[in-house]
């Protein structure tokens, strides 16, 4: 099977959506080594290319996926994105044991909630190639009692009224408050 970044046509925004989904959905996530630094193998399905060495830690390596030396800005950004989600996930009890409520995908968007008696997380995936205004009234049963949300990825606060303006091909992981 091809590496995920290759399967997604080397589109970084789709990579972010896919990894956020894997790391917030039910079950134990499995991530193949190198995914976090966008390792890919365009143009070949050769098993040697699929299982190439992770850069760093070997004599003569010019790039180091552990320290970030020699990685492109996009590879470092991907590594930081995955690290942020994994560090948050480690302590997010609701992701490990919470229930899942999801809503029918509509207009290129998919929204689901992970929730328990203490916490609630809203995950919003936008596959549209343009910005999209997401009307929040559709999710009132899960948003009742919450006024704002903490964006796990950016650290920003989002108001939970009216609409969320979603950037093109984007993902939001929101801790409801």
N, C-alpha and C. Protein backbone atom coordinates (compact mmCIF):
# COMPACT_ATOMS: atom_id res chain seq x y z
N UNK A 1 0.84 -1.17 0.00
CA UNK A 1 0.00 0.00 0.00
C UNK A 1 0.90 1.25 0.00
N UNK A 2 0.53 2.23 -0.76
CA UNK A 2 1.30 3.47 -0.85
C UNK A 2 1.25 4.25 0.46
N UNK A 3 2.25 5.08 0.64
CA UNK A 3 2.25 6.00 1.78
C UNK A 3 1.10 6.99 1.61
N UNK A 4 0.57 7.48 2.72
CA UNK A 4 -0.62 8.33 2.69
C UNK A 4 -0.40 9.61 1.88
N UNK A 5 0.77 10.23 2.01
CA UNK A 5 1.01 11.48 1.29
C UNK A 5 0.99 11.23 -0.22
N UNK A 6 1.52 10.09 -0.65
CA UNK A 6 1.49 9.72 -2.06
C UNK A 6 0.05 9.45 -2.50
N UNK A 7 -0.71 8.72 -1.68
CA UNK A 7 -2.09 8.42 -2.02
C UNK A 7 -2.92 9.69 -2.20
N UNK A 8 -2.56 10.73 -1.47
CA UNK A 8 -3.30 12.00 -1.53
C UNK A 8 -2.73 12.95 -2.58
N UNK A 9 -1.90 12.44 -3.47
CA UNK A 9 -1.36 13.26 -4.55
C UNK A 9 -0.40 14.33 -4.08
N UNK A 10 0.22 14.13 -2.92
CA UNK A 10 1.15 15.08 -2.31
C UNK A 10 0.47 16.42 -1.99
N UNK A 11 -0.84 16.39 -1.73
CA UNK A 11 -1.56 17.60 -1.32
C UNK A 11 -1.50 17.73 0.19
N UNK A 12 -0.80 18.77 0.65
CA UNK A 12 -0.60 18.95 2.09
C UNK A 12 -1.91 19.16 2.84
N UNK A 13 -2.84 19.92 2.29
CA UNK A 13 -4.11 20.18 2.99
C UNK A 13 -4.90 18.89 3.19
N UNK A 14 -4.90 18.01 2.19
CA UNK A 14 -5.59 16.73 2.34
C UNK A 14 -4.87 15.84 3.36
N UNK A 15 -3.56 15.94 3.42
CA UNK A 15 -2.78 15.23 4.44
C UNK A 15 -3.23 15.64 5.84
N UNK A 16 -3.37 16.94 6.07
CA UNK A 16 -3.80 17.44 7.39
C UNK A 16 -5.19 16.91 7.74
N UNK A 17 -6.10 16.93 6.77
CA UNK A 17 -7.45 16.42 7.01
C UNK A 17 -7.39 14.94 7.38
N UNK A 18 -6.64 14.16 6.62
CA UNK A 18 -6.55 12.71 6.86
C UNK A 18 -5.96 12.40 8.22
N UNK A 19 -4.87 13.08 8.59
CA UNK A 19 -4.23 12.80 9.88
C UNK A 19 -5.11 13.24 11.05
N UNK A 20 -5.78 14.37 10.91
CA UNK A 20 -6.67 14.81 11.98
C UNK A 20 -7.80 13.80 12.16
N UNK A 21 -8.31 13.28 11.06
CA UNK A 21 -9.36 12.26 11.14
C UNK A 21 -8.85 11.03 11.88
N UNK A 22 -7.72 10.50 11.46
CA UNK A 22 -7.16 9.30 12.08
C UNK A 22 -6.90 9.51 13.57
N UNK A 23 -6.44 10.69 13.94
CA UNK A 23 -6.07 10.94 15.33
C UNK A 23 -7.22 11.36 16.23
N UNK A 24 -8.41 11.61 15.66
CA UNK A 24 -9.55 12.00 16.50
C UNK A 24 -10.72 11.03 16.42
N UNK A 25 -10.66 10.09 15.50
CA UNK A 25 -11.75 9.13 15.34
C UNK A 25 -11.56 7.99 16.34
N UNK A 26 -12.58 7.16 16.47
CA UNK A 26 -12.52 6.02 17.38
C UNK A 26 -11.41 5.06 17.00
N UNK A 27 -10.90 4.36 18.00
CA UNK A 27 -9.88 3.35 17.74
C UNK A 27 -8.48 3.84 18.01
N UNK A 28 -7.55 2.93 17.87
CA UNK A 28 -6.14 3.22 18.10
C UNK A 28 -5.51 3.57 16.76
N UNK A 29 -4.97 4.79 16.63
CA UNK A 29 -4.40 5.18 15.35
C UNK A 29 -3.09 4.44 15.08
N UNK A 30 -2.86 4.14 13.82
CA UNK A 30 -1.60 3.56 13.38
C UNK A 30 -1.03 4.45 12.30
N UNK A 31 0.18 4.92 12.53
CA UNK A 31 0.82 5.83 11.58
C UNK A 31 2.16 5.22 11.19
N UNK A 32 2.37 5.06 9.92
CA UNK A 32 3.61 4.48 9.40
C UNK A 32 4.75 5.48 9.57
N UNK A 33 5.94 4.99 9.92
CA UNK A 33 7.08 5.89 10.14
C UNK A 33 7.29 6.78 8.90
N UNK A 34 7.66 8.01 9.17
CA UNK A 34 7.91 8.97 8.09
C UNK A 34 6.70 9.75 7.65
N UNK A 35 5.51 9.29 8.05
CA UNK A 35 4.30 10.03 7.69
C UNK A 35 4.38 11.45 8.21
N UNK A 36 4.92 11.61 9.42
CA UNK A 36 4.97 12.92 10.06
C UNK A 36 5.86 13.93 9.34
N UNK A 37 6.73 13.47 8.44
CA UNK A 37 7.58 14.40 7.68
C UNK A 37 7.29 14.29 6.17
N UNK A 38 6.10 13.82 5.85
CA UNK A 38 5.61 13.77 4.46
C UNK A 38 6.42 12.86 3.55
N UNK A 39 6.98 11.79 4.09
CA UNK A 39 7.70 10.86 3.22
C UNK A 39 6.72 10.33 2.17
N UNK A 40 7.18 10.30 0.93
CA UNK A 40 6.34 9.83 -0.17
C UNK A 40 7.21 9.10 -1.19
N UNK A 41 6.61 8.61 -2.21
CA UNK A 41 7.32 7.86 -3.24
C UNK A 41 6.62 8.04 -4.58
N UNK A 42 6.50 9.28 -5.05
CA UNK A 42 5.76 9.52 -6.29
C UNK A 42 6.36 8.78 -7.48
N UNK A 43 5.48 8.21 -8.27
CA UNK A 43 5.90 7.58 -9.51
C UNK A 43 6.38 6.15 -9.41
N UNK A 44 6.35 5.56 -8.21
CA UNK A 44 6.78 4.17 -8.08
C UNK A 44 6.00 3.48 -6.97
N UNK A 45 5.81 2.21 -7.16
CA UNK A 45 5.21 1.37 -6.11
C UNK A 45 6.24 0.35 -5.62
N UNK A 46 7.50 0.57 -5.96
CA UNK A 46 8.56 -0.34 -5.56
C UNK A 46 8.66 -0.38 -4.03
N UNK A 47 8.72 -1.59 -3.50
CA UNK A 47 8.72 -1.73 -2.05
C UNK A 47 9.94 -1.09 -1.39
N UNK A 48 11.04 -1.02 -2.09
CA UNK A 48 12.21 -0.33 -1.55
C UNK A 48 11.94 1.15 -1.32
N UNK A 49 11.20 1.75 -2.24
CA UNK A 49 10.84 3.16 -2.10
C UNK A 49 9.84 3.36 -0.96
N UNK A 50 8.91 2.42 -0.82
CA UNK A 50 7.92 2.51 0.26
C UNK A 50 8.57 2.42 1.64
N UNK A 51 9.66 1.63 1.72
CA UNK A 51 10.30 1.37 3.01
C UNK A 51 11.67 2.04 3.13
N UNK A 52 11.85 3.15 2.45
CA UNK A 52 13.14 3.84 2.51
C UNK A 52 13.48 4.22 3.96
N UNK A 53 14.76 4.38 4.23
CA UNK A 53 15.21 4.74 5.57
C UNK A 53 14.64 6.10 5.98
N UNK A 54 14.31 6.19 7.26
CA UNK A 54 13.92 7.48 7.83
C UNK A 54 15.18 8.34 7.89
N UNK A 55 15.10 9.59 7.44
CA UNK A 55 16.30 10.42 7.43
C UNK A 55 16.70 10.87 8.84
N UNK A 56 17.96 10.68 9.14
CA UNK A 56 18.49 11.11 10.43
C UNK A 56 18.92 9.95 11.29
N UNK A 57 20.03 10.14 11.97
CA UNK A 57 20.51 9.10 12.85
C UNK A 57 21.50 8.17 12.21
N UNK A 58 21.69 8.28 10.89
CA UNK A 58 22.63 7.41 10.18
C UNK A 58 23.80 8.25 9.70
N UNK A 59 25.01 7.70 9.76
CA UNK A 59 26.18 8.45 9.25
C UNK A 59 25.94 8.87 7.80
N UNK A 60 26.22 10.13 7.52
CA UNK A 60 26.09 10.63 6.16
C UNK A 60 24.72 11.20 5.82
N UNK A 61 23.74 11.07 6.69
CA UNK A 61 22.42 11.65 6.41
C UNK A 61 22.52 13.18 6.39
N UNK A 62 22.03 13.76 5.31
CA UNK A 62 22.04 15.22 5.19
C UNK A 62 20.79 15.83 5.81
N UNK A 63 19.76 15.01 5.97
CA UNK A 63 18.50 15.47 6.56
C UNK A 63 18.26 14.67 7.82
N UNK A 64 17.55 15.29 8.78
CA UNK A 64 17.29 14.61 10.03
C UNK A 64 15.84 14.87 10.46
N UNK A 65 15.02 13.84 10.33
CA UNK A 65 13.61 13.97 10.69
C UNK A 65 13.40 14.09 12.19
N UNK A 66 14.38 13.73 12.98
CA UNK A 66 14.27 13.85 14.44
C UNK A 66 14.51 15.29 14.89
N UNK A 67 15.60 15.89 14.41
CA UNK A 67 15.95 17.25 14.84
C UNK A 67 15.33 18.31 13.94
N UNK A 68 14.98 17.94 12.70
CA UNK A 68 14.45 18.90 11.75
C UNK A 68 15.51 19.49 10.83
N UNK A 69 16.78 19.19 11.09
CA UNK A 69 17.86 19.71 10.24
C UNK A 69 17.72 19.19 8.82
N UNK A 70 17.73 20.10 7.86
CA UNK A 70 17.68 19.72 6.46
C UNK A 70 16.28 19.46 5.92
N UNK A 71 15.26 19.48 6.77
CA UNK A 71 13.89 19.30 6.29
C UNK A 71 13.42 20.59 5.63
N UNK A 72 12.51 20.46 4.69
CA UNK A 72 11.91 21.65 4.09
C UNK A 72 10.96 22.29 5.10
N UNK A 73 10.58 23.53 4.83
CA UNK A 73 9.64 24.22 5.73
C UNK A 73 8.33 23.44 5.82
N UNK A 74 7.85 22.88 4.71
CA UNK A 74 6.60 22.13 4.70
C UNK A 74 6.74 20.84 5.52
N UNK A 75 7.87 20.16 5.43
CA UNK A 75 8.10 18.95 6.22
C UNK A 75 8.14 19.25 7.71
N UNK A 76 8.77 20.36 8.09
CA UNK A 76 8.78 20.77 9.50
C UNK A 76 7.38 21.15 9.97
N UNK A 77 6.63 21.82 9.09
CA UNK A 77 5.24 22.19 9.42
C UNK A 77 4.40 20.94 9.65
N UNK A 78 4.55 19.93 8.80
CA UNK A 78 3.81 18.67 8.95
C UNK A 78 4.20 17.98 10.25
N UNK A 79 5.49 17.96 10.54
CA UNK A 79 5.97 17.32 11.77
C UNK A 79 5.37 18.03 12.99
N UNK A 80 5.34 19.35 12.97
CA UNK A 80 4.77 20.11 14.09
C UNK A 80 3.26 19.87 14.21
N UNK A 81 2.57 19.78 13.08
CA UNK A 81 1.13 19.52 13.07
C UNK A 81 0.83 18.17 13.73
N UNK A 82 1.53 17.13 13.29
CA UNK A 82 1.32 15.79 13.84
C UNK A 82 1.70 15.77 15.32
N UNK A 83 2.80 16.40 15.67
CA UNK A 83 3.24 16.45 17.07
C UNK A 83 2.19 17.14 17.94
N UNK A 84 1.66 18.26 17.46
CA UNK A 84 0.64 18.99 18.23
C UNK A 84 -0.57 18.11 18.49
N UNK A 85 -1.07 17.46 17.45
CA UNK A 85 -2.24 16.59 17.62
C UNK A 85 -1.94 15.40 18.54
N UNK A 86 -0.78 14.78 18.38
CA UNK A 86 -0.45 13.62 19.21
C UNK A 86 -0.26 14.01 20.68
N UNK A 87 0.38 15.13 20.93
CA UNK A 87 0.56 15.57 22.33
C UNK A 87 -0.78 15.90 22.96
N UNK A 88 -1.66 16.56 22.20
CA UNK A 88 -3.00 16.85 22.72
C UNK A 88 -3.77 15.56 22.95
N UNK A 89 -3.71 14.65 21.98
CA UNK A 89 -4.46 13.39 22.05
C UNK A 89 -4.04 12.55 23.25
N UNK A 90 -2.76 12.59 23.59
CA UNK A 90 -2.23 11.81 24.71
C UNK A 90 -3.04 12.04 25.99
N UNK A 91 -3.43 13.29 26.24
CA UNK A 91 -4.14 13.63 27.47
C UNK A 91 -5.64 13.88 27.28
N UNK A 92 -6.14 13.70 26.08
CA UNK A 92 -7.56 13.97 25.79
C UNK A 92 -8.38 12.71 26.06
N UNK A 93 -8.83 12.58 27.28
CA UNK A 93 -9.60 11.41 27.70
C UNK A 93 -10.81 11.17 26.80
N UNK A 94 -11.42 12.25 26.36
CA UNK A 94 -12.62 12.14 25.53
C UNK A 94 -12.32 11.45 24.19
N UNK A 95 -11.12 11.60 23.69
CA UNK A 95 -10.75 10.94 22.43
C UNK A 95 -10.55 9.45 22.65
N UNK A 96 -10.07 9.08 23.81
CA UNK A 96 -9.81 7.66 24.11
C UNK A 96 -11.08 6.90 24.47
N UNK A 97 -11.98 7.54 25.22
CA UNK A 97 -13.12 6.81 25.77
C UNK A 97 -14.47 7.46 25.49
N UNK A 98 -14.48 8.60 24.85
CA UNK A 98 -15.74 9.31 24.61
C UNK A 98 -16.57 8.68 23.51
N UNK A 99 -17.82 9.09 23.49
CA UNK A 99 -18.73 8.64 22.44
C UNK A 99 -18.48 9.43 21.16
N UNK A 100 -19.01 8.91 20.08
CA UNK A 100 -18.93 9.56 18.77
C UNK A 100 -20.34 9.89 18.30
N UNK A 101 -20.54 11.15 17.96
CA UNK A 101 -21.76 11.56 17.27
C UNK A 101 -21.33 12.25 16.00
N UNK A 102 -21.77 11.73 14.86
CA UNK A 102 -21.39 12.38 13.61
C UNK A 102 -22.63 12.72 12.81
N UNK A 103 -22.46 13.69 11.96
CA UNK A 103 -23.55 14.21 11.14
C UNK A 103 -23.29 13.87 9.69
N UNK A 104 -24.36 13.69 8.95
CA UNK A 104 -24.25 13.33 7.54
C UNK A 104 -23.38 14.37 6.82
N UNK A 105 -22.38 13.93 6.06
CA UNK A 105 -21.58 14.88 5.29
C UNK A 105 -22.48 15.69 4.36
N UNK A 106 -22.16 16.96 4.25
CA UNK A 106 -22.98 17.85 3.44
C UNK A 106 -22.11 18.92 2.80
N UNK A 107 -22.29 19.13 1.52
CA UNK A 107 -21.58 20.18 0.78
C UNK A 107 -20.07 20.12 0.97
N UNK A 108 -19.50 18.93 0.95
CA UNK A 108 -18.04 18.79 1.06
C UNK A 108 -17.50 18.92 2.47
N UNK A 109 -18.40 18.96 3.46
CA UNK A 109 -17.95 19.05 4.85
C UNK A 109 -18.42 17.84 5.64
N UNK A 110 -17.67 17.49 6.65
CA UNK A 110 -18.03 16.39 7.56
C UNK A 110 -17.74 16.87 8.96
N UNK A 111 -18.72 16.73 9.85
CA UNK A 111 -18.59 17.18 11.23
C UNK A 111 -18.94 16.04 12.16
N UNK A 112 -18.08 15.84 13.15
CA UNK A 112 -18.37 14.85 14.19
C UNK A 112 -17.89 15.37 15.53
N UNK A 113 -18.46 14.79 16.57
CA UNK A 113 -18.14 15.18 17.94
C UNK A 113 -17.67 13.96 18.70
N UNK A 114 -16.67 14.15 19.53
CA UNK A 114 -16.26 13.15 20.51
C UNK A 114 -16.63 13.77 21.85
N UNK A 115 -17.41 13.04 22.66
CA UNK A 115 -17.93 13.65 23.88
C UNK A 115 -18.12 12.62 24.97
N UNK A 116 -18.07 13.09 26.21
CA UNK A 116 -18.38 12.27 27.37
C UNK A 116 -19.08 13.19 28.38
N UNK A 117 -19.18 12.76 29.63
CA UNK A 117 -19.89 13.56 30.63
C UNK A 117 -19.15 14.82 31.04
N UNK A 118 -17.88 14.95 30.65
CA UNK A 118 -17.05 16.08 31.05
C UNK A 118 -16.64 16.99 29.90
N UNK A 119 -16.32 16.40 28.76
CA UNK A 119 -15.70 17.16 27.67
C UNK A 119 -16.41 16.90 26.34
N UNK A 120 -16.20 17.84 25.43
CA UNK A 120 -16.74 17.68 24.07
C UNK A 120 -15.77 18.30 23.08
N UNK A 121 -15.50 17.57 22.01
CA UNK A 121 -14.62 18.03 20.95
C UNK A 121 -15.39 17.96 19.64
N UNK A 122 -15.32 19.04 18.87
CA UNK A 122 -15.96 19.11 17.56
C UNK A 122 -14.87 19.07 16.49
N UNK A 123 -14.99 18.16 15.55
CA UNK A 123 -14.02 18.06 14.46
C UNK A 123 -14.75 18.41 13.17
N UNK A 124 -14.18 19.35 12.43
CA UNK A 124 -14.79 19.83 11.19
C UNK A 124 -13.80 19.63 10.04
N UNK A 125 -14.23 18.87 9.04
CA UNK A 125 -13.40 18.63 7.86
C UNK A 125 -14.04 19.31 6.66
N UNK A 126 -13.29 20.12 5.95
CA UNK A 126 -13.79 20.81 4.76
C UNK A 126 -12.95 20.40 3.56
N UNK A 127 -13.50 19.57 2.67
CA UNK A 127 -12.78 19.13 1.47
C UNK A 127 -12.95 20.09 0.30
N UNK A 128 -13.75 21.11 0.45
CA UNK A 128 -13.99 22.06 -0.63
C UNK A 128 -12.71 22.80 -1.00
N UNK A 129 -12.57 23.11 -2.27
CA UNK A 129 -11.40 23.85 -2.73
C UNK A 129 -11.55 25.36 -2.55
N UNK A 130 -12.68 25.75 -1.96
CA UNK A 130 -12.89 27.15 -1.65
C UNK A 130 -13.41 27.26 -0.21
N UNK A 131 -13.36 28.48 0.32
CA UNK A 131 -13.85 28.70 1.68
C UNK A 131 -15.33 28.31 1.75
N UNK A 132 -15.75 27.93 2.94
CA UNK A 132 -17.14 27.48 3.09
C UNK A 132 -17.71 27.99 4.42
N UNK A 133 -18.88 28.63 4.39
CA UNK A 133 -19.53 29.07 5.63
C UNK A 133 -20.35 27.91 6.21
N UNK A 134 -19.95 27.39 7.35
CA UNK A 134 -20.64 26.27 7.98
C UNK A 134 -21.65 26.79 8.99
N UNK A 135 -22.92 26.58 8.70
CA UNK A 135 -24.01 27.00 9.58
C UNK A 135 -24.03 26.10 10.81
N UNK A 136 -23.89 26.68 11.99
CA UNK A 136 -23.78 25.89 13.22
C UNK A 136 -25.12 25.43 13.79
N UNK A 137 -26.23 26.02 13.38
CA UNK A 137 -27.52 25.63 13.94
C UNK A 137 -27.83 24.15 13.69
N UNK A 138 -27.27 23.59 12.65
CA UNK A 138 -27.46 22.18 12.32
C UNK A 138 -26.94 21.25 13.43
N UNK A 139 -26.02 21.75 14.23
CA UNK A 139 -25.37 20.93 15.26
C UNK A 139 -25.79 21.32 16.68
N UNK A 140 -26.94 21.99 16.79
CA UNK A 140 -27.35 22.55 18.09
C UNK A 140 -27.47 21.50 19.19
N UNK A 141 -27.83 20.27 18.86
CA UNK A 141 -27.96 19.25 19.90
C UNK A 141 -26.63 18.97 20.59
N UNK A 142 -25.50 19.12 19.89
CA UNK A 142 -24.19 18.88 20.48
C UNK A 142 -23.53 20.17 20.96
N UNK A 143 -24.01 21.32 20.48
CA UNK A 143 -23.41 22.60 20.85
C UNK A 143 -24.14 23.29 22.01
N UNK A 144 -25.27 22.74 22.41
CA UNK A 144 -26.05 23.36 23.47
C UNK A 144 -25.21 23.54 24.73
N UNK A 145 -25.23 24.77 25.24
CA UNK A 145 -24.49 25.10 26.46
C UNK A 145 -23.07 25.58 26.24
N UNK A 146 -22.60 25.52 25.01
CA UNK A 146 -21.23 25.97 24.70
C UNK A 146 -21.27 27.28 23.93
N UNK A 147 -20.39 28.20 24.28
CA UNK A 147 -20.34 29.51 23.62
C UNK A 147 -19.10 29.70 22.75
N UNK A 148 -18.03 28.99 23.12
CA UNK A 148 -16.79 29.15 22.37
C UNK A 148 -16.01 27.84 22.37
N UNK A 149 -14.95 27.84 21.57
CA UNK A 149 -14.14 26.63 21.46
C UNK A 149 -12.67 27.01 21.34
N UNK A 150 -11.84 26.14 21.87
CA UNK A 150 -10.39 26.29 21.76
C UNK A 150 -9.92 25.44 20.58
N UNK A 151 -9.27 26.07 19.61
CA UNK A 151 -8.73 25.35 18.45
C UNK A 151 -7.44 24.66 18.87
N UNK A 152 -7.47 23.35 18.89
CA UNK A 152 -6.34 22.54 19.35
C UNK A 152 -5.10 22.78 18.49
N UNK A 153 -5.28 23.01 17.22
CA UNK A 153 -4.16 23.13 16.29
C UNK A 153 -3.51 24.51 16.35
N UNK A 154 -4.33 25.57 16.38
CA UNK A 154 -3.77 26.93 16.34
C UNK A 154 -3.69 27.60 17.71
N UNK A 155 -4.47 27.09 18.67
CA UNK A 155 -4.50 27.72 19.99
C UNK A 155 -5.46 28.89 20.07
N UNK A 156 -6.13 29.21 18.98
CA UNK A 156 -7.05 30.35 18.95
C UNK A 156 -8.40 29.97 19.54
N UNK A 157 -9.20 30.99 19.86
CA UNK A 157 -10.55 30.80 20.37
C UNK A 157 -11.54 31.12 19.25
N UNK A 158 -12.54 30.25 19.09
CA UNK A 158 -13.58 30.42 18.08
C UNK A 158 -14.91 30.64 18.78
N UNK A 159 -15.69 31.61 18.33
CA UNK A 159 -17.05 31.78 18.83
C UNK A 159 -17.93 30.71 18.19
N UNK A 160 -18.90 30.21 18.93
CA UNK A 160 -19.79 29.16 18.44
C UNK A 160 -21.20 29.69 18.22
N UNK A 161 -21.30 30.72 17.40
CA UNK A 161 -22.61 31.26 17.06
C UNK A 161 -22.64 31.58 15.57
N UNK A 162 -23.79 31.41 14.97
CA UNK A 162 -23.94 31.72 13.55
C UNK A 162 -23.25 30.72 12.65
N UNK A 163 -22.15 31.13 12.06
CA UNK A 163 -21.43 30.27 11.13
C UNK A 163 -19.94 30.23 11.47
N UNK A 164 -19.31 29.14 11.09
CA UNK A 164 -17.85 29.06 11.11
C UNK A 164 -17.39 29.23 9.68
N UNK A 165 -16.48 30.14 9.45
CA UNK A 165 -15.95 30.33 8.11
C UNK A 165 -14.74 29.42 7.95
N UNK A 166 -14.93 28.38 7.16
CA UNK A 166 -13.90 27.37 6.98
C UNK A 166 -13.00 27.71 5.79
N UNK A 167 -11.70 27.74 6.01
CA UNK A 167 -10.79 27.92 4.87
C UNK A 167 -10.89 26.73 3.92
N UNK A 168 -10.43 26.89 2.69
CA UNK A 168 -10.45 25.76 1.74
C UNK A 168 -9.65 24.58 2.29
N UNK A 169 -10.13 23.37 1.99
CA UNK A 169 -9.43 22.13 2.37
C UNK A 169 -8.78 22.26 3.75
N UNK A 170 -9.63 22.33 4.76
CA UNK A 170 -9.13 22.59 6.10
C UNK A 170 -9.74 21.66 7.12
N UNK A 171 -9.13 21.66 8.29
CA UNK A 171 -9.64 20.88 9.41
C UNK A 171 -9.59 21.74 10.66
N UNK A 172 -10.63 21.60 11.48
CA UNK A 172 -10.66 22.23 12.80
C UNK A 172 -10.88 21.15 13.83
N UNK A 173 -10.10 21.19 14.90
CA UNK A 173 -10.31 20.32 16.06
C UNK A 173 -10.55 21.28 17.21
N UNK A 174 -11.82 21.33 17.66
CA UNK A 174 -12.25 22.34 18.62
C UNK A 174 -12.68 21.73 19.93
N UNK A 175 -12.02 22.11 21.02
CA UNK A 175 -12.45 21.73 22.36
C UNK A 175 -13.53 22.73 22.77
N UNK A 176 -14.74 22.23 23.03
CA UNK A 176 -15.86 23.13 23.34
C UNK A 176 -15.76 23.61 24.78
N UNK A 177 -16.13 24.89 24.96
CA UNK A 177 -16.09 25.50 26.30
C UNK A 177 -17.40 26.21 26.57
